[in-house]
């Protein structure tokens, strides 16, 4: 799930059993490759480096040690509109 907040785009997902963390990725409008944003241990992330009225696409992959799960190559799209 993704949503607009006053501080950026908030991404939330379900926990994966055995995951030690989650890697968050973003693609901006017109981009063809994913940009790694960071790794978190929680199931939520706020991307604060966004521009009002721009479109962004997000995806998350679970991590456990040096293993990384697959991910949704389409991701979820949102137009950031500051609240």
PDB file of N, CA and C in Angstrom:
ATOM      1  N   UNK A   1       0.853  -1.176   0.000  1.00  0.00           N
ATOM      2  CA  UNK A   1       0.000   0.000   0.000  1.00  0.00           C
ATOM      3  C   UNK A   1       0.892   1.230   0.000  1.00  0.00           C
ATOM      4  N   UNK A   2       0.547   2.202  -0.808  1.00  0.00           N
ATOM      5  CA  UNK A   2       1.289   3.460  -0.822  1.00  0.00           C
ATOM      6  C   UNK A   2       0.314   4.622  -0.667  1.00  0.00           C
ATOM      7  N   UNK A   3       0.782   5.677   0.005  1.00  0.00           N
ATOM      8  CA  UNK A   3      -0.087   6.823   0.231  1.00  0.00           C
ATOM      9  C   UNK A   3       0.744   8.096   0.356  1.00  0.00           C
ATOM     10  N   UNK A   4       0.096   9.228   0.095  1.00  0.00           N
ATOM     11  CA  UNK A   4       0.724  10.532   0.241  1.00  0.00           C
ATOM     12  C   UNK A   4       0.622  10.995   1.683  1.00  0.00           C
ATOM     13  N   UNK A   5       1.689  11.623   2.178  1.00  0.00           N
ATOM     14  CA  UNK A   5       1.687  12.243   3.501  1.00  0.00           C
ATOM     15  C   UNK A   5       2.302  13.625   3.355  1.00  0.00           C
ATOM     16  N   UNK A   6       2.302  14.393   4.413  1.00  0.00           N
ATOM     17  CA  UNK A   6       2.910  15.722   4.353  1.00  0.00           C
ATOM     18  C   UNK A   6       4.419  15.638   4.173  1.00  0.00           C
ATOM     19  N   UNK A   7       5.029  14.527   4.604  1.00  0.00           N
ATOM     20  CA  UNK A   7       6.490  14.423   4.525  1.00  0.00           C
ATOM     21  C   UNK A   7       6.996  13.609   3.339  1.00  0.00           C
ATOM     22  N   UNK A   8       6.086  12.982   2.562  1.00  0.00           N
ATOM     23  CA  UNK A   8       6.524  12.200   1.415  1.00  0.00           C
ATOM     24  C   UNK A   8       5.561  11.073   1.099  1.00  0.00           C
ATOM     25  N   UNK A   9       6.076  10.060   0.391  1.00  0.00           N
ATOM     26  CA  UNK A   9       5.273   8.893   0.032  1.00  0.00           C
ATOM     27  C   UNK A   9       5.522   7.802   1.065  1.00  0.00           C
ATOM     28  N   UNK A  10       4.448   7.307   1.669  1.00  0.00           N
ATOM     29  CA  UNK A  10       4.550   6.244   2.664  1.00  0.00           C
ATOM     30  C   UNK A  10       4.223   4.910   2.010  1.00  0.00           C
ATOM     31  N   UNK A  11       5.102   3.931   2.200  1.00  0.00           N
ATOM     32  CA  UNK A  11       4.930   2.593   1.645  1.00  0.00           C
ATOM     33  C   UNK A  11       4.766   1.627   2.811  1.00  0.00           C
ATOM     34  N   UNK A  12       3.753   0.759   2.736  1.00  0.00           N
ATOM     35  CA  UNK A  12       3.517  -0.261   3.761  1.00  0.00           C
ATOM     36  C   UNK A  12       3.311  -1.597   3.074  1.00  0.00           C
ATOM     37  N   UNK A  13       3.787  -2.671   3.698  1.00  0.00           N
ATOM     38  CA  UNK A  13       3.649  -4.012   3.135  1.00  0.00           C
ATOM     39  C   UNK A  13       3.519  -5.013   4.261  1.00  0.00           C
ATOM     40  N   UNK A  14       3.133  -6.234   3.908  1.00  0.00           N
ATOM     41  CA  UNK A  14       2.993  -7.313   4.879  1.00  0.00           C
ATOM     42  C   UNK A  14       4.348  -7.921   5.195  1.00  0.00           C
ATOM     43  N   UNK A  15       4.512  -8.361   6.434  1.00  0.00           N
ATOM     44  CA  UNK A  15       5.750  -9.009   6.859  1.00  0.00           C
ATOM     45  C   UNK A  15       5.920 -10.349   6.149  1.00  0.00           C
ATOM     46  N   UNK A  16       7.171 -10.713   5.910  1.00  0.00           N
ATOM     47  CA  UNK A  16       7.515 -12.004   5.322  1.00  0.00           C
ATOM     48  C   UNK A  16       8.228 -12.819   6.388  1.00  0.00           C
ATOM     49  N   UNK A  17       7.754 -14.026   6.644  1.00  0.00           N
ATOM     50  CA  UNK A  17       8.347 -14.888   7.659  1.00  0.00           C
ATOM     51  C   UNK A  17       9.817 -15.156   7.342  1.00  0.00           C
ATOM     52  N   UNK A  18      10.687 -14.936   8.315  1.00  0.00           N
ATOM     53  CA  UNK A  18      12.110 -15.201   8.150  1.00  0.00           C
ATOM     54  C   UNK A  18      12.910 -14.034   7.601  1.00  0.00           C
ATOM     55  N   UNK A  19      12.232 -12.968   7.209  1.00  0.00           N
ATOM     56  CA  UNK A  19      12.947 -11.812   6.651  1.00  0.00           C
ATOM     57  C   UNK A  19      13.625 -11.033   7.768  1.00  0.00           C
ATOM     58  N   UNK A  20      14.882 -10.680   7.552  1.00  0.00           N
ATOM     59  CA  UNK A  20      15.602  -9.860   8.518  1.00  0.00           C
ATOM     60  C   UNK A  20      15.493  -8.381   8.204  1.00  0.00           C
ATOM     61  N   UNK A  21      15.032  -8.073   7.005  1.00  0.00           N
ATOM     62  CA  UNK A  21      14.878  -6.688   6.580  1.00  0.00           C
ATOM     63  C   UNK A  21      14.222  -6.633   5.221  1.00  0.00           C
ATOM     64  N   UNK A  22      14.010  -5.429   4.754  1.00  0.00           N
ATOM     65  CA  UNK A  22      13.340  -5.213   3.471  1.00  0.00           C
ATOM     66  C   UNK A  22      14.073  -4.117   2.709  1.00  0.00           C
ATOM     67  N   UNK A  23      14.325  -4.377   1.444  1.00  0.00           N
ATOM     68  CA  UNK A  23      14.975  -3.389   0.585  1.00  0.00           C
ATOM     69  C   UNK A  23      13.893  -2.666  -0.222  1.00  0.00           C
ATOM     70  N   UNK A  24      13.928  -1.345  -0.210  1.00  0.00           N
ATOM     71  CA  UNK A  24      12.920  -0.521  -0.867  1.00  0.00           C
ATOM     72  C   UNK A  24      13.537   0.111  -2.115  1.00  0.00           C
ATOM     73  N   UNK A  25      12.774   0.075  -3.216  1.00  0.00           N
ATOM     74  CA  UNK A  25      13.233   0.610  -4.495  1.00  0.00           C
ATOM     75  C   UNK A  25      12.187   1.554  -5.080  1.00  0.00           C
ATOM     76  N   UNK A  26      12.673   2.501  -5.895  1.00  0.00           N
ATOM     77  CA  UNK A  26      11.782   3.469  -6.539  1.00  0.00           C
ATOM     78  C   UNK A  26      12.222   3.685  -7.984  1.00  0.00           C
ATOM     79  N   UNK A  27      11.228   3.940  -8.835  1.00  0.00           N
ATOM     80  CA  UNK A  27      11.478   4.409 -10.202  1.00  0.00           C
ATOM     81  C   UNK A  27      10.653   5.665 -10.409  1.00  0.00           C
ATOM     82  N   UNK A  28      11.265   6.688 -10.930  1.00  0.00           N
ATOM     83  CA  UNK A  28      10.544   7.908 -11.258  1.00  0.00           C
ATOM     84  C   UNK A  28       9.938   7.793 -12.647  1.00  0.00           C
ATOM     85  N   UNK A  29       9.106   8.739 -12.995  1.00  0.00           N
ATOM     86  CA  UNK A  29       8.470   8.753 -14.319  1.00  0.00           C
ATOM     87  C   UNK A  29       9.546   8.751 -15.395  1.00  0.00           C
ATOM     88  N   UNK A  30       9.405   7.853 -16.352  1.00  0.00           N
ATOM     89  CA  UNK A  30      10.339   7.769 -17.458  1.00  0.00           C
ATOM     90  C   UNK A  30      11.598   6.967 -17.175  1.00  0.00           C
ATOM     91  N   UNK A  31      11.807   6.556 -15.939  1.00  0.00           N
ATOM     92  CA  UNK A  31      12.988   5.762 -15.608  1.00  0.00           C
ATOM     93  C   UNK A  31      12.733   4.289 -15.917  1.00  0.00           C
ATOM     94  N   UNK A  32      13.783   3.600 -16.338  1.00  0.00           N
ATOM     95  CA  UNK A  32      13.650   2.184 -16.675  1.00  0.00           C
ATOM     96  C   UNK A  32      14.318   1.270 -15.654  1.00  0.00           C
ATOM     97  N   UNK A  33      15.103   1.839 -14.749  1.00  0.00           N
ATOM     98  CA  UNK A  33      15.770   1.015 -13.732  1.00  0.00           C
ATOM     99  C   UNK A  33      15.337   1.451 -12.338  1.00  0.00           C
ATOM    100  N   UNK A  34      15.399   0.494 -11.424  1.00  0.00           N
ATOM    101  CA  UNK A  34      15.030   0.754 -10.036  1.00  0.00           C
ATOM    102  C   UNK A  34      16.188   1.415  -9.307  1.00  0.00           C
ATOM    103  N   UNK A  35      15.878   2.380  -8.446  1.00  0.00           N
ATOM    104  CA  UNK A  35      16.860   3.021  -7.573  1.00  0.00           C
ATOM    105  C   UNK A  35      16.671   2.486  -6.164  1.00  0.00           C
ATOM    106  N   UNK A  36      17.737   1.968  -5.577  1.00  0.00           N
ATOM    107  CA  UNK A  36      17.697   1.454  -4.206  1.00  0.00           C
ATOM    108  C   UNK A  36      17.605   2.621  -3.234  1.00  0.00           C
ATOM    109  N   UNK A  37      16.587   2.607  -2.359  1.00  0.00           N
ATOM    110  CA  UNK A  37      16.399   3.693  -1.401  1.00  0.00           C
ATOM    111  C   UNK A  37      16.969   3.377  -0.027  1.00  0.00           C
ATOM    112  N   UNK A  38      16.960   2.106   0.342  1.00  0.00           N
ATOM    113  CA  UNK A  38      17.473   1.729   1.654  1.00  0.00           C
ATOM    114  C   UNK A  38      16.889   0.424   2.138  1.00  0.00           C
ATOM    115  N   UNK A  39      17.424  -0.051   3.261  1.00  0.00           N
ATOM    116  CA  UNK A  39      16.951  -1.277   3.901  1.00  0.00           C
ATOM    117  C   UNK A  39      16.380  -0.923   5.266  1.00  0.00           C
ATOM    118  N   UNK A  40      15.221  -1.483   5.572  1.00  0.00           N
ATOM    119  CA  UNK A  40      14.575  -1.257   6.871  1.00  0.00           C
ATOM    120  C   UNK A  40      14.188  -2.596   7.481  1.00  0.00           C
ATOM    121  N   UNK A  41      14.034  -2.629   8.801  1.00  0.00           N
ATOM    122  CA  UNK A  41      13.586  -3.857   9.469  1.00  0.00           C
ATOM    123  C   UNK A  41      12.086  -3.832   9.723  1.00  0.00           C
ATOM    124  N   UNK A  42      11.472  -2.663   9.621  1.00  0.00           N
ATOM    125  CA  UNK A  42      10.024  -2.553   9.804  1.00  0.00           C
ATOM    126  C   UNK A  42       9.314  -2.829   8.475  1.00  0.00           C
ATOM    127  N   UNK A  43       7.999  -2.771   8.474  1.00  0.00           N
ATOM    128  CA  UNK A  43       7.223  -2.999   7.255  1.00  0.00           C
ATOM    129  C   UNK A  43       6.625  -1.696   6.728  1.00  0.00           C
ATOM    130  N   UNK A  44       7.358  -0.620   6.938  1.00  0.00           N
ATOM    131  CA  UNK A  44       6.929   0.677   6.432  1.00  0.00           C
ATOM    132  C   UNK A  44       8.157   1.529   6.116  1.00  0.00           C
ATOM    133  N   UNK A  45       8.003   2.398   5.136  1.00  0.00           N
ATOM    134  CA  UNK A  45       9.097   3.280   4.723  1.00  0.00           C
ATOM    135  C   UNK A  45       8.473   4.551   4.165  1.00  0.00           C
ATOM    136  N   UNK A  46       9.051   5.703   4.507  1.00  0.00           N
ATOM    137  CA  UNK A  46       8.591   6.965   3.935  1.00  0.00           C
ATOM    138  C   UNK A  46       9.693   7.556   3.073  1.00  0.00           C
ATOM    139  N   UNK A  47       9.396   7.732   1.802  1.00  0.00           N
ATOM    140  CA  UNK A  47      10.320   8.345   0.857  1.00  0.00           C
ATOM    141  C   UNK A  47      10.105   9.854   0.922  1.00  0.00           C
ATOM    142  N   UNK A  48      11.066  10.560   1.506  1.00  0.00           N
ATOM    143  CA  UNK A  48      10.943  12.012   1.685  1.00  0.00           C
ATOM    144  C   UNK A  48      11.571  12.795   0.540  1.00  0.00           C
ATOM    145  N   UNK A  49      12.233  12.089  -0.353  1.00  0.00           N
ATOM    146  CA  UNK A  49      12.918  12.745  -1.470  1.00  0.00           C
ATOM    147  C   UNK A  49      12.038  12.698  -2.717  1.00  0.00           C
ATOM    148  N   UNK A  50      10.867  13.330  -2.625  1.00  0.00           N
ATOM    149  CA  UNK A  50       9.899  13.335  -3.724  1.00  0.00           C
ATOM    150  C   UNK A  50       9.499  14.764  -4.059  1.00  0.00           C
ATOM    151  N   UNK A  51       9.028  14.942  -5.282  1.00  0.00           N
ATOM    152  CA  UNK A  51       8.624  16.269  -5.763  1.00  0.00           C
ATOM    153  C   UNK A  51       7.115  16.273  -5.977  1.00  0.00           C
ATOM    154  N   UNK A  52       6.469  17.330  -5.506  1.00  0.00           N
ATOM    155  CA  UNK A  52       5.020  17.438  -5.632  1.00  0.00           C
ATOM    156  C   UNK A  52       4.578  17.316  -7.095  1.00  0.00           C
ATOM    157  N   UNK A  53       3.492  16.593  -7.312  1.00  0.00           N
ATOM    158  CA  UNK A  53       2.871  16.359  -8.624  1.00  0.00           C
ATOM    159  C   UNK A  53       3.679  15.466  -9.571  1.00  0.00           C
ATOM    160  N   UNK A  54       4.672  14.759  -9.059  1.00  0.00           N
ATOM    161  CA  UNK A  54       5.425  13.794  -9.868  1.00  0.00           C
ATOM    162  C   UNK A  54       4.940  12.383  -9.577  1.00  0.00           C
ATOM    163  N   UNK A  55       5.089  11.495 -10.569  1.00  0.00           N
ATOM    164  CA  UNK A  55       4.715  10.091 -10.423  1.00  0.00           C
ATOM    165  C   UNK A  55       5.923   9.269 -10.003  1.00  0.00           C
ATOM    166  N   UNK A  56       5.669   8.294  -9.105  1.00  0.00           N
ATOM    167  CA  UNK A  56       6.709   7.392  -8.633  1.00  0.00           C
ATOM    168  C   UNK A  56       6.168   5.967  -8.580  1.00  0.00           C
ATOM    169  N   UNK A  57       7.070   5.018  -8.781  1.00  0.00           N
ATOM    170  CA  UNK A  57       6.725   3.597  -8.727  1.00  0.00           C
ATOM    171  C   UNK A  57       7.619   2.952  -7.665  1.00  0.00           C
ATOM    172  N   UNK A  58       7.017   2.123  -6.788  1.00  0.00           N
ATOM    173  CA  UNK A  58       7.761   1.513  -5.684  1.00  0.00           C
ATOM    174  C   UNK A  58       7.623  -0.001  -5.677  1.00  0.00           C
ATOM    175  N   UNK A  59       8.682  -0.647  -5.206  1.00  0.00           N
ATOM    176  CA  UNK A  59       8.643  -2.089  -4.979  1.00  0.00           C
ATOM    177  C   UNK A  59       9.539  -2.410  -3.787  1.00  0.00           C
ATOM    178  N   UNK A  60       9.282  -3.545  -3.160  1.00  0.00           N
ATOM    179  CA  UNK A  60      10.016  -3.968  -1.960  1.00  0.00           C
ATOM    180  C   UNK A  60      10.410  -5.424  -2.120  1.00  0.00           C
ATOM    181  N   UNK A  61      11.593  -5.776  -1.626  1.00  0.00           N
ATOM    182  CA  UNK A  61      11.987  -7.184  -1.608  1.00  0.00           C
ATOM    183  C   UNK A  61      12.506  -7.539  -0.220  1.00  0.00           C
ATOM    184  N   UNK A  62      12.160  -8.734   0.230  1.00  0.00           N
ATOM    185  CA  UNK A  62      12.585  -9.213   1.540  1.00  0.00           C
ATOM    186  C   UNK A  62      14.051  -9.634   1.487  1.00  0.00           C
ATOM    187  N   UNK A  63      14.742  -9.477   2.615  1.00  0.00           N
ATOM    188  CA  UNK A  63      16.149  -9.855   2.710  1.00  0.00           C
ATOM    189  C   UNK A  63      16.364 -10.709   3.953  1.00  0.00           C
ATOM    190  N   UNK A  64      17.226 -11.703   3.808  1.00  0.00           N
ATOM    191  CA  UNK A  64      17.632 -12.540   4.932  1.00  0.00           C
ATOM    192  C   UNK A  64      19.097 -12.892   4.717  1.00  0.00           C
ATOM    193  N   UNK A  65      19.973 -12.236   5.457  1.00  0.00           N
ATOM    194  CA  UNK A  65      21.406 -12.419   5.224  1.00  0.00           C
ATOM    195  C   UNK A  65      21.769 -11.913   3.840  1.00  0.00           C
ATOM    196  N   UNK A  66      22.375 -12.779   3.028  1.00  0.00           N
ATOM    197  CA  UNK A  66      22.753 -12.378   1.669  1.00  0.00           C
ATOM    198  C   UNK A  66      21.703 -12.815   0.641  1.00  0.00           C
ATOM    199  N   UNK A  67      20.568 -13.338   1.114  1.00  0.00           N
ATOM    200  CA  UNK A  67      19.489 -13.770   0.215  1.00  0.00           C
ATOM    201  C   UNK A  67      18.468 -12.644   0.068  1.00  0.00           C
ATOM    202  N   UNK A  68      18.049 -12.401  -1.176  1.00  0.00           N
ATOM    203  CA  UNK A  68      17.012 -11.411  -1.451  1.00  0.00           C
ATOM    204  C   UNK A  68      15.901 -12.077  -2.242  1.00  0.00           C
ATOM    205  N   UNK A  69      14.674 -11.821  -1.823  1.00  0.00           N
ATOM    206  CA  UNK A  69      13.526 -12.415  -2.507  1.00  0.00           C
ATOM    207  C   UNK A  69      13.344 -11.772  -3.882  1.00  0.00           C
ATOM    208  N   UNK A  70      12.471 -12.356  -4.660  1.00  0.00           N
ATOM    209  CA  UNK A  70      12.040 -11.718  -5.891  1.00  0.00           C
ATOM    210  C   UNK A  70      11.232 -10.486  -5.539  1.00  0.00           C
ATOM    211  N   UNK A  71      10.785  -9.772  -6.550  1.00  0.00           N
ATOM    212  CA  UNK A  71       9.988  -8.573  -6.289  1.00  0.00           C
ATOM    213  C   UNK A  71       9.048  -8.328  -7.457  1.00  0.00           C
ATOM    214  N   UNK A  72       8.050  -7.514  -7.195  1.00  0.00           N
ATOM    215  CA  UNK A  72       7.069  -7.147  -8.223  1.00  0.00           C
ATOM    216  C   UNK A  72       7.734  -6.168  -9.182  1.00  0.00           C
ATOM    217  N   UNK A  73       8.012  -6.608 -10.399  1.00  0.00           N
ATOM    218  CA  UNK A  73       8.723  -5.764 -11.358  1.00  0.00           C
ATOM    219  C   UNK A  73       7.893  -4.576 -11.835  1.00  0.00           C
ATOM    220  N   UNK A  74       6.568  -4.658 -11.662  1.00  0.00           N
ATOM    221  CA  UNK A  74       5.710  -3.519 -12.006  1.00  0.00           C
ATOM    222  C   UNK A  74       5.622  -2.528 -10.860  1.00  0.00           C
ATOM    223  N   UNK A  75       5.640  -3.027  -9.633  1.00  0.00           N
ATOM    224  CA  UNK A  75       5.521  -2.157  -8.460  1.00  0.00           C
ATOM    225  C   UNK A  75       4.166  -1.474  -8.392  1.00  0.00           C
ATOM    226  N   UNK A  76       4.060  -0.527  -7.483  1.00  0.00           N
ATOM    227  CA  UNK A  76       2.846   0.276  -7.330  1.00  0.00           C
ATOM    228  C   UNK A  76       3.165   1.721  -7.667  1.00  0.00           C
ATOM    229  N   UNK A  77       2.228   2.378  -8.348  1.00  0.00           N
ATOM    230  CA  UNK A  77       2.440   3.756  -8.823  1.00  0.00           C
ATOM    231  C   UNK A  77       1.601   4.720  -8.008  1.00  0.00           C
ATOM    232  N   UNK A  78       2.196   5.884  -7.736  1.00  0.00           N
ATOM    233  CA  UNK A  78       1.463   6.947  -7.054  1.00  0.00           C
ATOM    234  C   UNK A  78       1.917   8.294  -7.603  1.00  0.00           C
ATOM    235  N   UNK A  79       0.978   9.238  -7.666  1.00  0.00           N
ATOM    236  CA  UNK A  79       1.323  10.623  -7.970  1.00  0.00           C
ATOM    237  C   UNK A  79       1.445  11.317  -6.625  1.00  0.00           C
ATOM    238  N   UNK A  80       2.630  11.845  -6.332  1.00  0.00           N
ATOM    239  CA  UNK A  80       2.804  12.503  -5.039  1.00  0.00           C
ATOM    240  C   UNK A  80       2.125  13.866  -5.055  1.00  0.00           C
ATOM    241  N   UNK A  81       1.171  14.010  -4.163  1.00  0.00           N
ATOM    242  CA  UNK A  81       0.469  15.274  -3.950  1.00  0.00           C
ATOM    243  C   UNK A  81       0.585  15.567  -2.467  1.00  0.00           C
ATOM    244  N   UNK A  82       1.360  16.580  -2.136  1.00  0.00           N
ATOM    245  CA  UNK A  82       1.589  16.907  -0.721  1.00  0.00           C
ATOM    246  C   UNK A  82       0.273  17.243  -0.047  1.00  0.00           C
ATOM    247  N   UNK A  83       0.048  16.617   1.113  1.00  0.00           N
ATOM    248  CA  UNK A  83      -1.191  16.851   1.861  1.00  0.00           C
ATOM    249  C   UNK A  83      -1.059  18.058   2.745  1.00  0.00           C
TER     250      UNK A  83
END
